[in-house]
Amino acid sequence: MALGKMGEVLDLLPENKFVRIHKSHIVQVNKIKSIEDNRVIIGCVKLSISNTYRAGFYNKINSMC
């Protein structure tokens, strides 16, 4: 459990390794197994990519390719 706002936590993480996908989720990019519709798959877990963070998520993923 982390204390502080998600944005504050994200600011402490390496920008090139983590991305926010939802108000409640920050994911490590290299742990993403696949992307289906508007969800990321990490292991057996499916997490929704919210409308708020969708464009930023796809921009970051596309810039890494």
N, C-alpha and C. Protein backbone atom coordinates (compact mmCIF):
# COMPACT_ATOMS: atom_id res chain seq x y z
N MET A 1 0.84 -1.18 0.00
CA MET A 1 0.00 0.00 0.00
C MET A 1 0.88 1.24 0.00
N ALA A 2 0.54 2.17 -0.83
CA ALA A 2 1.30 3.42 -0.91
C ALA A 2 0.48 4.55 -0.31
N LEU A 3 1.14 5.46 0.33
CA LEU A 3 0.46 6.63 0.86
C LEU A 3 0.68 7.80 -0.08
N GLY A 4 -0.36 8.58 -0.27
CA GLY A 4 -0.27 9.71 -1.19
C GLY A 4 -1.19 9.51 -2.37
N LYS A 5 -1.32 10.54 -3.16
CA LYS A 5 -2.17 10.48 -4.35
C LYS A 5 -1.46 9.72 -5.44
N MET A 6 -2.23 9.11 -6.33
CA MET A 6 -1.65 8.31 -7.41
C MET A 6 -0.70 9.15 -8.27
N GLY A 7 -1.05 10.37 -8.54
CA GLY A 7 -0.17 11.24 -9.33
C GLY A 7 1.17 11.46 -8.65
N GLU A 8 1.14 11.58 -7.32
CA GLU A 8 2.38 11.75 -6.56
C GLU A 8 3.23 10.49 -6.62
N VAL A 9 2.57 9.34 -6.53
CA VAL A 9 3.27 8.06 -6.64
C VAL A 9 3.89 7.93 -8.03
N LEU A 10 3.12 8.24 -9.06
CA LEU A 10 3.62 8.15 -10.43
C LEU A 10 4.84 9.04 -10.64
N ASP A 11 4.84 10.21 -10.02
CA ASP A 11 5.98 11.13 -10.14
C ASP A 11 7.26 10.54 -9.56
N LEU A 12 7.14 9.61 -8.63
CA LEU A 12 8.31 8.99 -8.00
C LEU A 12 8.87 7.82 -8.82
N LEU A 13 8.09 7.34 -9.77
CA LEU A 13 8.49 6.17 -10.57
C LEU A 13 9.19 6.60 -11.86
N PRO A 14 10.07 5.74 -12.39
CA PRO A 14 10.72 6.07 -13.67
C PRO A 14 9.69 6.24 -14.79
N GLU A 15 9.70 7.38 -15.44
CA GLU A 15 8.70 7.72 -16.45
C GLU A 15 8.66 6.74 -17.61
N ASN A 16 9.82 6.20 -17.98
CA ASN A 16 9.87 5.30 -19.13
C ASN A 16 9.46 3.87 -18.79
N LYS A 17 9.18 3.58 -17.53
CA LYS A 17 8.84 2.21 -17.14
C LYS A 17 7.41 2.03 -16.63
N PHE A 18 6.75 3.12 -16.29
CA PHE A 18 5.41 3.03 -15.71
C PHE A 18 4.46 3.97 -16.44
N VAL A 19 3.19 3.57 -16.47
CA VAL A 19 2.17 4.40 -17.11
C VAL A 19 0.87 4.25 -16.32
N ARG A 20 0.15 5.34 -16.23
CA ARG A 20 -1.14 5.32 -15.54
C ARG A 20 -2.22 4.97 -16.56
N ILE A 21 -3.08 4.03 -16.20
CA ILE A 21 -4.14 3.61 -17.11
C ILE A 21 -5.54 3.88 -16.55
N HIS A 22 -5.61 4.25 -15.28
CA HIS A 22 -6.90 4.41 -14.60
C HIS A 22 -6.64 5.22 -13.34
N LYS A 23 -7.66 5.81 -12.78
CA LYS A 23 -7.46 6.59 -11.55
C LYS A 23 -6.91 5.73 -10.42
N SER A 24 -7.11 4.42 -10.51
CA SER A 24 -6.65 3.50 -9.47
C SER A 24 -5.51 2.59 -9.89
N HIS A 25 -5.01 2.73 -11.12
CA HIS A 25 -4.00 1.79 -11.62
C HIS A 25 -2.83 2.47 -12.31
N ILE A 26 -1.63 2.11 -11.86
CA ILE A 26 -0.38 2.43 -12.54
C ILE A 26 0.24 1.08 -12.86
N VAL A 27 0.68 0.89 -14.09
CA VAL A 27 1.26 -0.41 -14.47
C VAL A 27 2.69 -0.25 -14.96
N GLN A 28 3.47 -1.31 -14.73
CA GLN A 28 4.83 -1.36 -15.25
C GLN A 28 4.74 -1.84 -16.69
N VAL A 29 5.22 -1.03 -17.61
CA VAL A 29 5.04 -1.28 -19.04
C VAL A 29 5.56 -2.66 -19.45
N ASN A 30 6.72 -3.07 -18.95
CA ASN A 30 7.28 -4.35 -19.39
C ASN A 30 6.57 -5.56 -18.80
N LYS A 31 5.60 -5.35 -17.94
CA LYS A 31 4.80 -6.45 -17.39
C LYS A 31 3.52 -6.68 -18.18
N ILE A 32 3.20 -5.77 -19.12
CA ILE A 32 1.99 -5.91 -19.92
C ILE A 32 2.16 -7.07 -20.88
N LYS A 33 1.28 -8.06 -20.73
CA LYS A 33 1.33 -9.26 -21.57
C LYS A 33 0.68 -8.97 -22.92
N SER A 34 -0.47 -8.29 -22.89
CA SER A 34 -1.17 -7.94 -24.12
C SER A 34 -2.16 -6.81 -23.85
N ILE A 35 -2.69 -6.26 -24.94
CA ILE A 35 -3.70 -5.21 -24.87
C ILE A 35 -4.87 -5.69 -25.70
N GLU A 36 -6.04 -5.75 -25.08
CA GLU A 36 -7.26 -6.19 -25.77
C GLU A 36 -8.33 -5.13 -25.56
N ASP A 37 -8.85 -4.61 -26.66
CA ASP A 37 -9.84 -3.54 -26.59
C ASP A 37 -9.27 -2.42 -25.72
N ASN A 38 -9.91 -2.10 -24.64
CA ASN A 38 -9.42 -1.06 -23.75
C ASN A 38 -9.02 -1.64 -22.40
N ARG A 39 -8.33 -2.77 -22.48
CA ARG A 39 -7.83 -3.43 -21.28
C ARG A 39 -6.39 -3.86 -21.50
N VAL A 40 -5.61 -3.81 -20.42
CA VAL A 40 -4.27 -4.40 -20.47
C VAL A 40 -4.33 -5.71 -19.70
N ILE A 41 -3.57 -6.67 -20.18
CA ILE A 41 -3.49 -7.97 -19.52
C ILE A 41 -2.11 -8.07 -18.89
N ILE A 42 -2.09 -8.30 -17.59
CA ILE A 42 -0.84 -8.50 -16.85
C ILE A 42 -1.00 -9.82 -16.12
N GLY A 43 -0.28 -10.84 -16.59
CA GLY A 43 -0.48 -12.18 -16.05
C GLY A 43 -1.89 -12.62 -16.39
N CYS A 44 -2.67 -12.96 -15.38
CA CYS A 44 -4.07 -13.38 -15.58
C CYS A 44 -5.05 -12.26 -15.25
N VAL A 45 -4.54 -11.07 -15.00
CA VAL A 45 -5.39 -9.96 -14.57
C VAL A 45 -5.66 -9.02 -15.74
N LYS A 46 -6.93 -8.65 -15.91
CA LYS A 46 -7.33 -7.67 -16.93
C LYS A 46 -7.68 -6.37 -16.22
N LEU A 47 -7.03 -5.29 -16.65
CA LEU A 47 -7.28 -3.98 -16.07
C LEU A 47 -7.80 -3.03 -17.15
N SER A 48 -8.84 -2.30 -16.83
CA SER A 48 -9.42 -1.35 -17.78
C SER A 48 -8.54 -0.13 -17.95
N ILE A 49 -8.48 0.36 -19.19
CA ILE A 49 -7.82 1.63 -19.49
C ILE A 49 -8.94 2.66 -19.55
N SER A 50 -8.94 3.61 -18.64
CA SER A 50 -10.04 4.58 -18.60
C SER A 50 -9.93 5.60 -19.73
N ASN A 51 -11.05 6.22 -20.05
CA ASN A 51 -11.08 7.25 -21.09
C ASN A 51 -10.10 8.37 -20.78
N THR A 52 -9.98 8.72 -19.53
CA THR A 52 -9.11 9.82 -19.11
C THR A 52 -7.65 9.58 -19.47
N TYR A 53 -7.19 8.33 -19.33
CA TYR A 53 -5.77 8.01 -19.52
C TYR A 53 -5.48 7.27 -20.82
N ARG A 54 -6.51 6.99 -21.61
CA ARG A 54 -6.36 6.17 -22.83
C ARG A 54 -5.38 6.77 -23.83
N ALA A 55 -5.55 8.04 -24.19
CA ALA A 55 -4.69 8.66 -25.20
C ALA A 55 -3.23 8.67 -24.74
N GLY A 56 -3.00 9.04 -23.49
CA GLY A 56 -1.64 9.06 -22.96
C GLY A 56 -1.01 7.68 -22.93
N PHE A 57 -1.83 6.68 -22.60
CA PHE A 57 -1.34 5.30 -22.58
C PHE A 57 -0.90 4.86 -23.96
N TYR A 58 -1.77 5.04 -24.95
CA TYR A 58 -1.43 4.60 -26.31
C TYR A 58 -0.27 5.41 -26.90
N ASN A 59 -0.19 6.69 -26.58
CA ASN A 59 0.95 7.49 -27.04
C ASN A 59 2.26 6.94 -26.48
N LYS A 60 2.26 6.60 -25.20
CA LYS A 60 3.47 6.07 -24.58
C LYS A 60 3.83 4.71 -25.18
N ILE A 61 2.85 3.83 -25.34
CA ILE A 61 3.10 2.49 -25.90
C ILE A 61 3.61 2.62 -27.33
N ASN A 62 2.99 3.46 -28.14
CA ASN A 62 3.41 3.63 -29.53
C ASN A 62 4.80 4.25 -29.64
N SER A 63 5.15 5.11 -28.72
CA SER A 63 6.48 5.74 -28.78
C SER A 63 7.58 4.77 -28.37
N MET A 64 7.22 3.69 -27.71
CA MET A 64 8.21 2.71 -27.27
C MET A 64 8.49 1.67 -28.34
N CYS A 65 7.65 1.59 -29.36
CA CYS A 65 7.83 0.58 -30.41
C CYS A 65 8.89 0.98 -31.40
